[in-house]
C-alpha cells in the first residue's frame, strides 16, 4: 500500500448496507423492461464481445445482473468461468487469458473486459499483457493504485485462504500470492501503461466501504464517479448504464487518449 492511501475504517462497512436498495433498484428496472426484451435483444453488429470478471471471494453469479442489463443493450456477454475468485491471481489471469483467446477465435474480434474489484485489476493486467485480445476495459471499484487499501475484514478472508493453503488445501491463495513475487508481479503489471488502442474506464464511488476509493482512480483512465456501495456496483442499474456507455464510447474511439474526470 503506497503512501497516500488508507484502509476504510470499521464504520465504513455500514455503507455497504445500501446494496439492499441497489438490488431493489435492479429488480424494479428489470420489471419495467418489455417482456421478452432479453430474448429479442441479440448482440448487435459492430459491438465487441464483453467478458465479465468477478471480484475477490466472488464468482460469475455476482455479475448476473450486469450481464442481463448489458445483453438487453445489445452486448454479447461471456462469463469468466470463475466459481469463486479465491486462488492465485496470476493463475486466474492466465485462465482468463485462455478464455479470451477462445472468444477471439470464435468471434473474430477483440474483447472488452468488465471487472469488479479484483476482477478489474486482473482486467487491467490482461490489457497490458495481451492488447491483441483486449480492445477495452471497464473497472468497478478496483484499487489498482493500492491493492492493500482494503477493509481489514477483507484481510481476514485473505489470511484464512493462506492458512488453508499452508495446510494443503489446493486452489487457494498461497503466501507468495499475497506478499511475495506473485503479488509484486501482479501489482507491477497493473501499473504498466495501457496501450493506446485499448479503451480504459475506471468507475469508483466515494461511498465504497470496502476499498479506498482513491486507489480506484487510475490517472490513465476515463474516470467516472457513481453513488453506489462496493458490492452494489455489480447490481445497481445506474452503474450498468455507465458501463454500457463506456463500452460503446471505447468501441467508437479506441485510439483517442483517455484521461479526465466525469462525475455521474
Protein backbone atom coordinates (compact mmCIF):
# COMPACT_ATOMS: atom_id res chain seq x y z
CA UNK A 1 0.00 0.00 0.00
CA UNK A 2 1.83 3.12 -1.22
CA UNK A 3 1.75 6.34 0.80
CA UNK A 4 -1.37 8.47 0.48
CA UNK A 5 -3.86 5.62 0.79
CA UNK A 6 -5.58 4.03 3.78
CA UNK A 7 -7.83 1.15 4.74
CA UNK A 8 -11.51 2.11 5.12
CA UNK A 9 -12.39 2.44 8.82
CA UNK A 10 -14.66 -0.09 10.51
CA UNK A 11 -17.77 2.08 10.31
CA UNK A 12 -17.29 2.47 6.56
CA UNK A 13 -18.58 -1.05 6.11
CA UNK A 14 -22.06 0.14 7.10
CA UNK A 15 -22.22 1.94 3.74
CA UNK A 16 -22.43 -1.48 2.13
CA UNK A 17 -25.94 -1.86 3.56
CA UNK A 18 -27.11 0.27 0.64
CA UNK A 19 -26.62 -2.84 -1.52
CA UNK A 20 -30.17 -3.77 -0.49
CA UNK A 21 -31.53 -0.64 -2.10
CA UNK A 22 -29.34 -1.14 -5.16
CA UNK A 23 -30.62 -4.70 -5.55
CA UNK A 24 -34.19 -3.40 -5.26
CA UNK A 25 -33.45 -0.78 -7.90
CA UNK A 26 -32.28 -3.53 -10.23
CA UNK A 27 -35.45 -5.55 -9.55
CA UNK A 28 -37.62 -2.55 -10.38
CA UNK A 29 -35.68 -1.84 -13.57
CA UNK A 30 -35.98 -5.49 -14.63
CA UNK A 31 -39.73 -5.48 -14.01
CA UNK A 32 -40.12 -2.39 -16.18
CA UNK A 33 -38.42 -3.99 -19.15
CA UNK A 34 -40.60 -5.13 -22.02
CA UNK A 35 -41.34 -8.87 -21.61
CA UNK A 36 -39.01 -10.90 -23.76
CA UNK A 37 -36.64 -7.95 -24.32
CA UNK A 38 -33.66 -10.00 -23.23
CA UNK A 39 -34.55 -12.77 -25.65
CA UNK A 40 -35.08 -10.39 -28.54
CA UNK A 41 -32.09 -8.20 -27.77
CA UNK A 42 -29.48 -10.19 -29.66
CA UNK A 43 -25.95 -8.91 -29.99
CA UNK A 44 -25.72 -6.01 -32.41
CA UNK A 45 -23.35 -5.88 -35.31
CA UNK A 46 -20.14 -3.96 -34.66
CA UNK A 47 -20.26 -4.50 -30.88
CA UNK A 48 -17.29 -6.27 -29.28
CA UNK A 49 -17.94 -9.31 -27.06
CA UNK A 50 -17.79 -8.47 -23.35
CA UNK A 51 -16.16 -10.70 -20.72
CA UNK A 52 -17.23 -10.17 -17.10
CA UNK A 53 -14.72 -10.89 -14.31
CA UNK A 54 -15.90 -11.07 -10.66
CA UNK A 55 -14.11 -9.75 -7.61
CA UNK A 56 -12.32 -11.37 -4.67
CA UNK A 57 -14.28 -14.21 -2.99
CA UNK A 58 -16.95 -13.82 -5.69
CA UNK A 59 -17.99 -15.88 -8.70
CA UNK A 60 -19.62 -15.35 -12.07
CA UNK A 61 -23.06 -15.33 -10.42
CA UNK A 62 -22.34 -11.95 -8.80
CA UNK A 63 -22.30 -10.32 -12.23
CA UNK A 64 -25.51 -11.92 -13.48
CA UNK A 65 -27.45 -8.66 -13.14
CA UNK A 66 -24.76 -6.76 -15.04
CA UNK A 67 -24.74 -9.41 -17.75
CA UNK A 68 -28.52 -9.27 -18.19
CA UNK A 69 -28.52 -5.50 -18.40
CA UNK A 70 -25.73 -5.42 -20.98
CA UNK A 71 -27.40 -8.13 -23.04
CA UNK A 72 -30.58 -6.05 -23.08
CA UNK A 73 -28.45 -3.25 -24.56
CA UNK A 74 -27.25 -5.48 -27.39
CA UNK A 75 -23.93 -6.70 -26.00
CA UNK A 76 -22.85 -10.33 -26.20
CA UNK A 77 -21.58 -11.16 -22.71
CA UNK A 78 -19.40 -14.03 -21.53
CA UNK A 79 -18.63 -15.42 -18.08
CA UNK A 80 -15.06 -15.80 -16.84
CA UNK A 81 -15.79 -19.36 -15.62
CA UNK A 82 -14.82 -18.40 -12.06
CA UNK A 83 -16.85 -20.10 -9.33
CA UNK A 84 -15.01 -18.29 -6.55
CA UNK A 85 -12.14 -15.85 -7.04
CA UNK A 86 -10.01 -17.19 -4.20
CA UNK A 87 -6.97 -18.64 -5.94
CA UNK A 88 -3.65 -17.29 -7.16
CA UNK A 89 -4.28 -14.10 -9.13
CA UNK A 90 -1.59 -14.92 -11.67
CA UNK A 91 -3.06 -18.34 -12.33
CA UNK A 92 -6.57 -16.89 -12.58
CA UNK A 93 -5.33 -14.26 -15.03
CA UNK A 94 -3.75 -16.98 -17.17
CA UNK A 95 -7.05 -18.89 -17.21
CA UNK A 96 -8.91 -15.73 -18.25
CA UNK A 97 -6.30 -15.09 -20.94
CA UNK A 98 -7.03 -18.55 -22.36
CA UNK A 99 -10.75 -17.79 -22.17
CA UNK A 100 -10.17 -14.59 -24.14
CA UNK A 101 -8.23 -16.48 -26.77
CA UNK A 102 -11.16 -18.83 -27.31
CA UNK A 103 -13.65 -15.97 -27.57
CA UNK A 104 -11.46 -14.07 -30.05
CA UNK A 105 -11.03 -17.21 -32.13
CA UNK A 106 -14.78 -17.78 -32.13
CA UNK A 107 -15.92 -14.20 -32.75
CA UNK A 108 -13.04 -12.93 -34.85
CA UNK A 109 -12.71 -9.70 -32.87
CA UNK A 110 -11.06 -8.44 -29.71
CA UNK A 111 -12.96 -8.47 -26.41
CA UNK A 112 -13.89 -5.75 -23.94
CA UNK A 113 -13.46 -6.78 -20.30
CA UNK A 114 -15.57 -5.54 -17.38
CA UNK A 115 -14.07 -6.32 -13.99
CA UNK A 116 -15.44 -5.77 -10.50
CA UNK A 117 -12.93 -5.05 -7.70
CA UNK A 118 -10.10 -7.61 -8.02
CA UNK A 119 -11.58 -8.59 -11.38
CA UNK A 120 -10.89 -5.08 -12.65
CA UNK A 121 -7.27 -5.28 -11.55
CA UNK A 122 -6.94 -8.54 -13.45
CA UNK A 123 -8.56 -6.93 -16.49
CA UNK A 124 -6.04 -4.10 -16.43
CA UNK A 125 -3.14 -6.53 -16.24
CA UNK A 126 -4.52 -8.50 -19.18
CA UNK A 127 -4.92 -5.33 -21.23
CA UNK A 128 -1.21 -4.66 -20.76
CA UNK A 129 -0.19 -8.26 -21.38
CA UNK A 130 -2.45 -9.08 -24.33
CA UNK A 131 -3.71 -5.98 -26.18
CA UNK A 132 -4.16 -8.26 -29.19
CA UNK A 133 -7.06 -9.86 -27.28
CA UNK A 134 -8.44 -6.88 -25.34
CA UNK A 135 -9.96 -3.82 -27.02
CA UNK A 136 -11.10 -2.08 -23.84
CA UNK A 137 -11.59 -2.48 -20.10
CA UNK A 138 -14.04 -1.08 -17.55
CA UNK A 139 -13.10 -1.42 -13.88
CA UNK A 140 -15.56 -1.03 -10.99
CA UNK A 141 -14.22 -0.32 -7.52
CA UNK A 142 -10.79 -1.76 -8.39
CA UNK A 143 -7.98 -0.47 -6.10
CA UNK A 144 -5.28 -0.63 -8.78
CA UNK A 145 -3.13 2.08 -7.24
CA UNK A 146 -3.02 0.44 -3.80
CA UNK A 147 -4.23 -3.18 -3.58
CA UNK A 148 -3.65 -3.16 0.18
CA UNK A 149 -6.06 -0.27 0.73
CA UNK A 150 -8.97 -2.54 1.61
CA UNK A 151 -11.06 -3.11 4.74
CA UNK A 152 -9.42 -5.15 7.49
CA UNK A 153 -12.25 -7.67 7.39
CA UNK A 154 -11.21 -8.46 3.84
CA UNK A 155 -7.73 -9.21 5.14
CA UNK A 156 -9.27 -11.81 7.43
CA UNK A 157 -10.53 -13.62 4.36
CA UNK A 158 -7.11 -13.43 2.72
CA UNK A 159 -5.38 -14.76 5.86
CA UNK A 160 -7.87 -17.63 6.03
CA UNK A 161 -7.12 -18.63 2.43
CA UNK A 162 -3.37 -18.52 3.05
CA UNK A 163 -3.82 -20.71 6.14
CA UNK A 164 -5.83 -23.23 4.12
CA UNK A 165 -3.05 -23.28 1.53
CA UNK A 166 -0.44 -23.98 4.20
CA UNK A 167 -2.37 -26.99 5.47
CA UNK A 168 -2.59 -28.43 1.97
CA UNK A 169 -5.91 -27.20 0.55
CA UNK A 170 -5.41 -26.74 -3.23
CA UNK A 171 -6.69 -23.89 -5.38
CA UNK A 172 -6.50 -21.10 -2.82
CA UNK A 173 -4.15 -18.15 -2.35
CA UNK A 174 -0.64 -19.03 -1.22
CA UNK A 175 1.64 -16.75 0.87
CA UNK A 176 3.51 -15.59 -2.24
CA UNK A 177 0.20 -14.55 -3.81
CA UNK A 178 -0.23 -12.02 -1.02
CA UNK A 179 3.24 -10.76 -0.14
CA UNK A 180 5.73 -12.47 -2.43
CA UNK A 181 6.87 -12.46 -6.03
CA UNK A 182 3.43 -13.29 -7.37
CA UNK A 183 1.84 -10.33 -5.58
CA UNK A 184 4.60 -7.94 -6.68
CA UNK A 185 4.41 -9.10 -10.28
CA UNK A 186 0.62 -8.66 -10.35
CA UNK A 187 0.88 -5.14 -8.92
CA UNK A 188 3.61 -4.05 -11.31
CA UNK A 189 1.64 -5.35 -14.27
CA UNK A 190 -1.36 -3.23 -13.26
CA UNK A 191 0.86 -0.14 -13.21
CA UNK A 192 2.19 -0.54 -16.74
CA UNK A 193 0.78 1.96 -19.29
CA UNK A 194 -2.34 0.72 -21.07
CA UNK A 195 -1.77 0.51 -24.86
CA UNK A 196 -3.21 3.47 -26.73
CA UNK A 197 -5.58 1.33 -28.76
CA UNK A 198 -7.16 -0.19 -25.64
CA UNK A 199 -10.00 1.78 -24.04
CA UNK A 200 -9.89 2.22 -20.27
CA UNK A 201 -12.66 3.47 -17.97
CA UNK A 202 -12.39 3.39 -14.16
CA UNK A 203 -15.65 3.57 -12.20
CA UNK A 204 -15.40 4.40 -8.50
CA UNK A 205 -17.55 5.56 -5.60
CA UNK A 206 -16.76 7.70 -2.58
CA UNK A 207 -19.36 5.59 -0.76
CA UNK A 208 -17.21 2.49 -1.19
CA UNK A 209 -16.98 0.78 2.20
CA UNK A 210 -14.57 -1.98 1.17
CA UNK A 211 -11.66 -0.22 -0.57
CA UNK A 212 -10.18 3.28 -0.55
CA UNK A 213 -11.93 4.95 -3.49
CA UNK A 214 -8.81 7.00 -4.23
CA UNK A 215 -6.97 3.79 -5.13
CA UNK A 216 -9.56 3.15 -7.84
CA UNK A 217 -8.97 6.43 -9.71
CA UNK A 218 -6.32 5.45 -12.23
CA UNK A 219 -4.93 8.63 -13.85
CA UNK A 220 -4.61 6.81 -17.19
CA UNK A 221 -8.33 6.05 -17.36
CA UNK A 222 -11.51 7.90 -18.17
CA UNK A 223 -12.77 8.33 -14.61
CA UNK A 224 -16.45 8.03 -13.72
CA UNK A 225 -17.78 8.61 -10.21
CA UNK A 226 -21.02 6.90 -9.18
CA UNK A 227 -23.07 6.77 -5.98
CA UNK A 228 -23.07 3.11 -5.03
CA UNK A 229 -21.65 0.72 -2.49
CA UNK A 230 -18.74 -1.52 -3.40
CA UNK A 231 -20.96 -4.60 -3.65
CA UNK A 232 -23.77 -2.62 -5.24
CA UNK A 233 -21.71 -1.64 -8.27
CA UNK A 234 -22.38 -5.11 -9.65
CA UNK A 235 -26.14 -4.68 -9.20
CA UNK A 236 -27.16 -1.04 -9.49
CA UNK A 237 -28.65 -0.39 -12.95
CA UNK A 238 -27.36 3.18 -12.80
CA UNK A 239 -23.82 1.80 -12.72
CA UNK A 240 -24.70 -0.59 -15.56
CA UNK A 241 -25.82 2.45 -17.57
CA UNK A 242 -22.33 3.93 -17.26
CA UNK A 243 -20.67 0.62 -18.02
CA UNK A 244 -22.74 0.35 -21.20
CA UNK A 245 -21.91 3.93 -22.19
CA UNK A 246 -18.20 3.34 -21.56
CA UNK A 247 -18.17 0.19 -23.68
CA UNK A 248 -19.79 2.00 -26.59
CA UNK A 249 -17.53 5.05 -26.27
CA UNK A 250 -14.41 2.89 -26.19
CA UNK A 251 -15.56 1.00 -29.24
CA UNK A 252 -16.25 4.22 -31.12
CA UNK A 253 -12.90 5.89 -30.35
CA UNK A 254 -10.35 3.23 -29.34
CA UNK A 255 -7.27 5.25 -30.23
CA UNK A 256 -8.17 8.54 -28.54
CA UNK A 257 -6.12 9.46 -25.49
CA UNK A 258 -8.26 8.65 -22.43
CA UNK A 259 -7.96 10.89 -19.40
CA UNK A 260 -10.01 13.33 -17.38
CA UNK A 261 -12.81 13.23 -14.84
CA UNK A 262 -16.53 12.86 -15.33
CA UNK A 263 -18.95 12.92 -12.40
CA UNK A 264 -22.00 10.69 -12.80
